Amino acid sequence: MPKMKTNRGAAKRIRKTGSGKLRRMRANKSHILTKKSPKRKRRLRSATLVSKADAKRLKRMLPYS
């Protein structure tokens, strides 16, 4: 059986935590920042966990992580 291929796009955006959950950065922090409040931009800096429904699909994309 050959090795499974990792989806490189997903691997660059998502990493696994110590407990096996998936972490991701939040969207909407790249441009048009003037109209967003400082509180909102501060919250977008922090990482968050991937939802359970998406995590099930992503585990197939990241077989060795």
N, C-alpha and C. Protein backbone atom coordinates (compact mmCIF):
# COMPACT_ATOMS: atom_id res chain seq x y z
N MET A 1 0.85 -1.19 0.00
CA MET A 1 0.00 0.00 0.00
C MET A 1 0.89 1.25 0.00
N PRO A 2 0.72 2.16 -0.96
CA PRO A 2 1.55 3.36 -0.98
C PRO A 2 1.16 4.33 0.13
N LYS A 3 2.07 5.26 0.39
CA LYS A 3 1.79 6.29 1.39
C LYS A 3 0.64 7.17 0.92
N MET A 4 -0.13 7.68 1.88
CA MET A 4 -1.19 8.62 1.53
C MET A 4 -0.58 10.00 1.35
N LYS A 5 -1.16 10.80 0.46
CA LYS A 5 -0.65 12.14 0.23
C LYS A 5 -1.34 13.13 1.17
N THR A 6 -0.53 14.00 1.75
CA THR A 6 -1.06 15.07 2.58
C THR A 6 -1.50 16.22 1.68
N ASN A 7 -2.63 16.83 1.99
CA ASN A 7 -3.07 18.02 1.27
C ASN A 7 -2.21 19.18 1.77
N ARG A 8 -1.28 19.67 0.93
CA ARG A 8 -0.29 20.65 1.37
C ARG A 8 -0.94 21.99 1.72
N GLY A 9 -2.02 22.35 1.06
CA GLY A 9 -2.70 23.59 1.39
C GLY A 9 -3.26 23.55 2.80
N ALA A 10 -3.83 22.42 3.19
CA ALA A 10 -4.35 22.28 4.54
C ALA A 10 -3.22 22.20 5.56
N ALA A 11 -2.12 21.54 5.20
CA ALA A 11 -1.01 21.38 6.14
C ALA A 11 -0.37 22.72 6.48
N LYS A 12 -0.37 23.67 5.54
CA LYS A 12 0.22 24.98 5.80
C LYS A 12 -0.67 25.85 6.68
N ARG A 13 -1.96 25.55 6.74
CA ARG A 13 -2.90 26.40 7.46
C ARG A 13 -3.31 25.85 8.82
N ILE A 14 -3.15 24.56 9.03
CA ILE A 14 -3.69 23.91 10.22
C ILE A 14 -2.60 23.10 10.89
N ARG A 15 -2.56 23.18 12.24
CA ARG A 15 -1.67 22.29 12.96
C ARG A 15 -2.41 21.66 14.12
N LYS A 16 -1.90 20.54 14.56
CA LYS A 16 -2.56 19.76 15.58
C LYS A 16 -2.08 20.18 16.97
N THR A 17 -2.98 20.24 17.93
CA THR A 17 -2.62 20.55 19.30
C THR A 17 -2.16 19.28 20.01
N GLY A 18 -1.71 19.43 21.23
CA GLY A 18 -1.24 18.28 22.00
C GLY A 18 -2.32 17.26 22.23
N SER A 19 -3.57 17.72 22.37
CA SER A 19 -4.67 16.79 22.63
C SER A 19 -5.27 16.22 21.35
N GLY A 20 -4.75 16.63 20.17
CA GLY A 20 -5.23 16.07 18.91
C GLY A 20 -6.25 16.92 18.19
N LYS A 21 -6.63 18.07 18.77
CA LYS A 21 -7.57 18.95 18.08
C LYS A 21 -6.81 19.76 17.03
N LEU A 22 -7.53 20.40 16.13
CA LEU A 22 -6.91 21.16 15.05
C LEU A 22 -7.05 22.65 15.31
N ARG A 23 -5.93 23.38 15.17
CA ARG A 23 -5.92 24.83 15.35
C ARG A 23 -5.80 25.51 14.01
N ARG A 24 -6.45 26.70 13.89
CA ARG A 24 -6.37 27.48 12.67
C ARG A 24 -6.36 28.96 13.04
N MET A 25 -5.89 29.78 12.12
CA MET A 25 -5.96 31.22 12.31
C MET A 25 -7.30 31.71 11.77
N ARG A 26 -7.76 32.86 12.26
CA ARG A 26 -9.04 33.39 11.84
C ARG A 26 -8.91 34.15 10.52
N ALA A 27 -10.01 34.24 9.80
CA ALA A 27 -10.03 34.95 8.52
C ALA A 27 -10.29 36.44 8.74
N ASN A 28 -10.23 37.23 7.68
CA ASN A 28 -10.58 38.66 7.65
C ASN A 28 -9.55 39.55 8.33
N LYS A 29 -8.27 39.18 8.32
CA LYS A 29 -7.25 40.01 8.96
C LYS A 29 -6.22 40.50 7.94
N SER A 30 -6.49 40.37 6.63
CA SER A 30 -5.45 40.69 5.65
C SER A 30 -5.55 42.09 5.08
N HIS A 31 -6.74 42.61 4.86
CA HIS A 31 -6.86 43.95 4.29
C HIS A 31 -8.19 44.57 4.69
N ILE A 32 -8.39 45.83 4.32
CA ILE A 32 -9.57 46.62 4.71
C ILE A 32 -9.70 46.62 6.24
N LEU A 33 -8.61 47.00 6.92
CA LEU A 33 -8.59 46.96 8.37
C LEU A 33 -9.04 48.27 9.00
N THR A 34 -9.16 49.34 8.22
CA THR A 34 -9.49 50.64 8.80
C THR A 34 -10.89 50.66 9.37
N LYS A 35 -11.82 49.96 8.74
CA LYS A 35 -13.21 49.99 9.22
C LYS A 35 -13.48 48.97 10.32
N LYS A 36 -12.51 48.12 10.63
CA LYS A 36 -12.70 47.13 11.69
C LYS A 36 -12.21 47.71 13.01
N SER A 37 -12.95 47.43 14.06
CA SER A 37 -12.62 48.01 15.36
C SER A 37 -11.36 47.35 15.93
N PRO A 38 -10.63 48.06 16.80
CA PRO A 38 -9.43 47.47 17.42
C PRO A 38 -9.74 46.18 18.17
N LYS A 39 -10.90 46.12 18.81
CA LYS A 39 -11.28 44.91 19.53
C LYS A 39 -11.42 43.73 18.57
N ARG A 40 -12.03 43.98 17.41
CA ARG A 40 -12.22 42.92 16.42
C ARG A 40 -10.88 42.47 15.85
N LYS A 41 -9.98 43.43 15.55
CA LYS A 41 -8.67 43.07 15.00
C LYS A 41 -7.84 42.30 16.01
N ARG A 42 -7.96 42.67 17.27
CA ARG A 42 -7.23 41.97 18.33
C ARG A 42 -7.71 40.52 18.43
N ARG A 43 -9.02 40.31 18.33
CA ARG A 43 -9.57 38.96 18.39
C ARG A 43 -9.14 38.13 17.19
N LEU A 44 -8.99 38.77 16.02
CA LEU A 44 -8.60 38.04 14.81
C LEU A 44 -7.14 37.58 14.85
N ARG A 45 -6.33 38.20 15.73
CA ARG A 45 -4.94 37.78 15.84
C ARG A 45 -4.79 36.41 16.47
N SER A 46 -5.72 36.03 17.32
CA SER A 46 -5.57 34.78 18.05
C SER A 46 -6.07 33.60 17.22
N ALA A 47 -5.48 32.45 17.48
CA ALA A 47 -5.90 31.22 16.79
C ALA A 47 -7.13 30.65 17.46
N THR A 48 -7.82 29.77 16.77
CA THR A 48 -9.01 29.12 17.32
C THR A 48 -9.03 27.67 16.86
N LEU A 49 -9.92 26.90 17.43
CA LEU A 49 -10.04 25.49 17.06
C LEU A 49 -10.97 25.33 15.87
N VAL A 50 -10.69 24.34 15.06
CA VAL A 50 -11.55 24.00 13.92
C VAL A 50 -12.81 23.33 14.47
N SER A 51 -13.96 23.62 13.88
CA SER A 51 -15.21 23.02 14.34
C SER A 51 -15.18 21.50 14.14
N LYS A 52 -16.00 20.80 14.91
CA LYS A 52 -16.00 19.33 14.86
C LYS A 52 -16.37 18.81 13.48
N ALA A 53 -17.33 19.47 12.82
CA ALA A 53 -17.76 19.01 11.50
C ALA A 53 -16.63 19.15 10.48
N ASP A 54 -15.89 20.26 10.54
CA ASP A 54 -14.79 20.45 9.61
C ASP A 54 -13.59 19.59 9.97
N ALA A 55 -13.39 19.36 11.26
CA ALA A 55 -12.24 18.56 11.69
C ALA A 55 -12.33 17.14 11.15
N LYS A 56 -13.52 16.61 11.04
CA LYS A 56 -13.70 15.25 10.52
C LYS A 56 -13.21 15.17 9.08
N ARG A 57 -13.52 16.21 8.27
CA ARG A 57 -13.06 16.22 6.88
C ARG A 57 -11.56 16.46 6.79
N LEU A 58 -11.04 17.34 7.65
CA LEU A 58 -9.62 17.71 7.58
C LEU A 58 -8.70 16.58 8.01
N LYS A 59 -9.17 15.70 8.87
CA LYS A 59 -8.31 14.59 9.30
C LYS A 59 -7.96 13.68 8.14
N ARG A 60 -8.84 13.62 7.13
CA ARG A 60 -8.49 12.84 5.94
C ARG A 60 -7.43 13.54 5.11
N MET A 61 -7.42 14.87 5.13
CA MET A 61 -6.44 15.63 4.35
C MET A 61 -5.06 15.61 5.00
N LEU A 62 -5.01 15.38 6.32
CA LEU A 62 -3.76 15.41 7.06
C LEU A 62 -3.51 14.06 7.71
N PRO A 63 -3.20 13.02 6.92
CA PRO A 63 -3.15 11.68 7.49
C PRO A 63 -1.99 11.46 8.47
N TYR A 64 -0.88 12.20 8.35
CA TYR A 64 0.29 11.92 9.17
C TYR A 64 0.56 13.01 10.20
N SER A 65 -0.32 13.96 10.36
CA SER A 65 -0.06 15.02 11.33
C SER A 65 -0.67 14.68 12.68
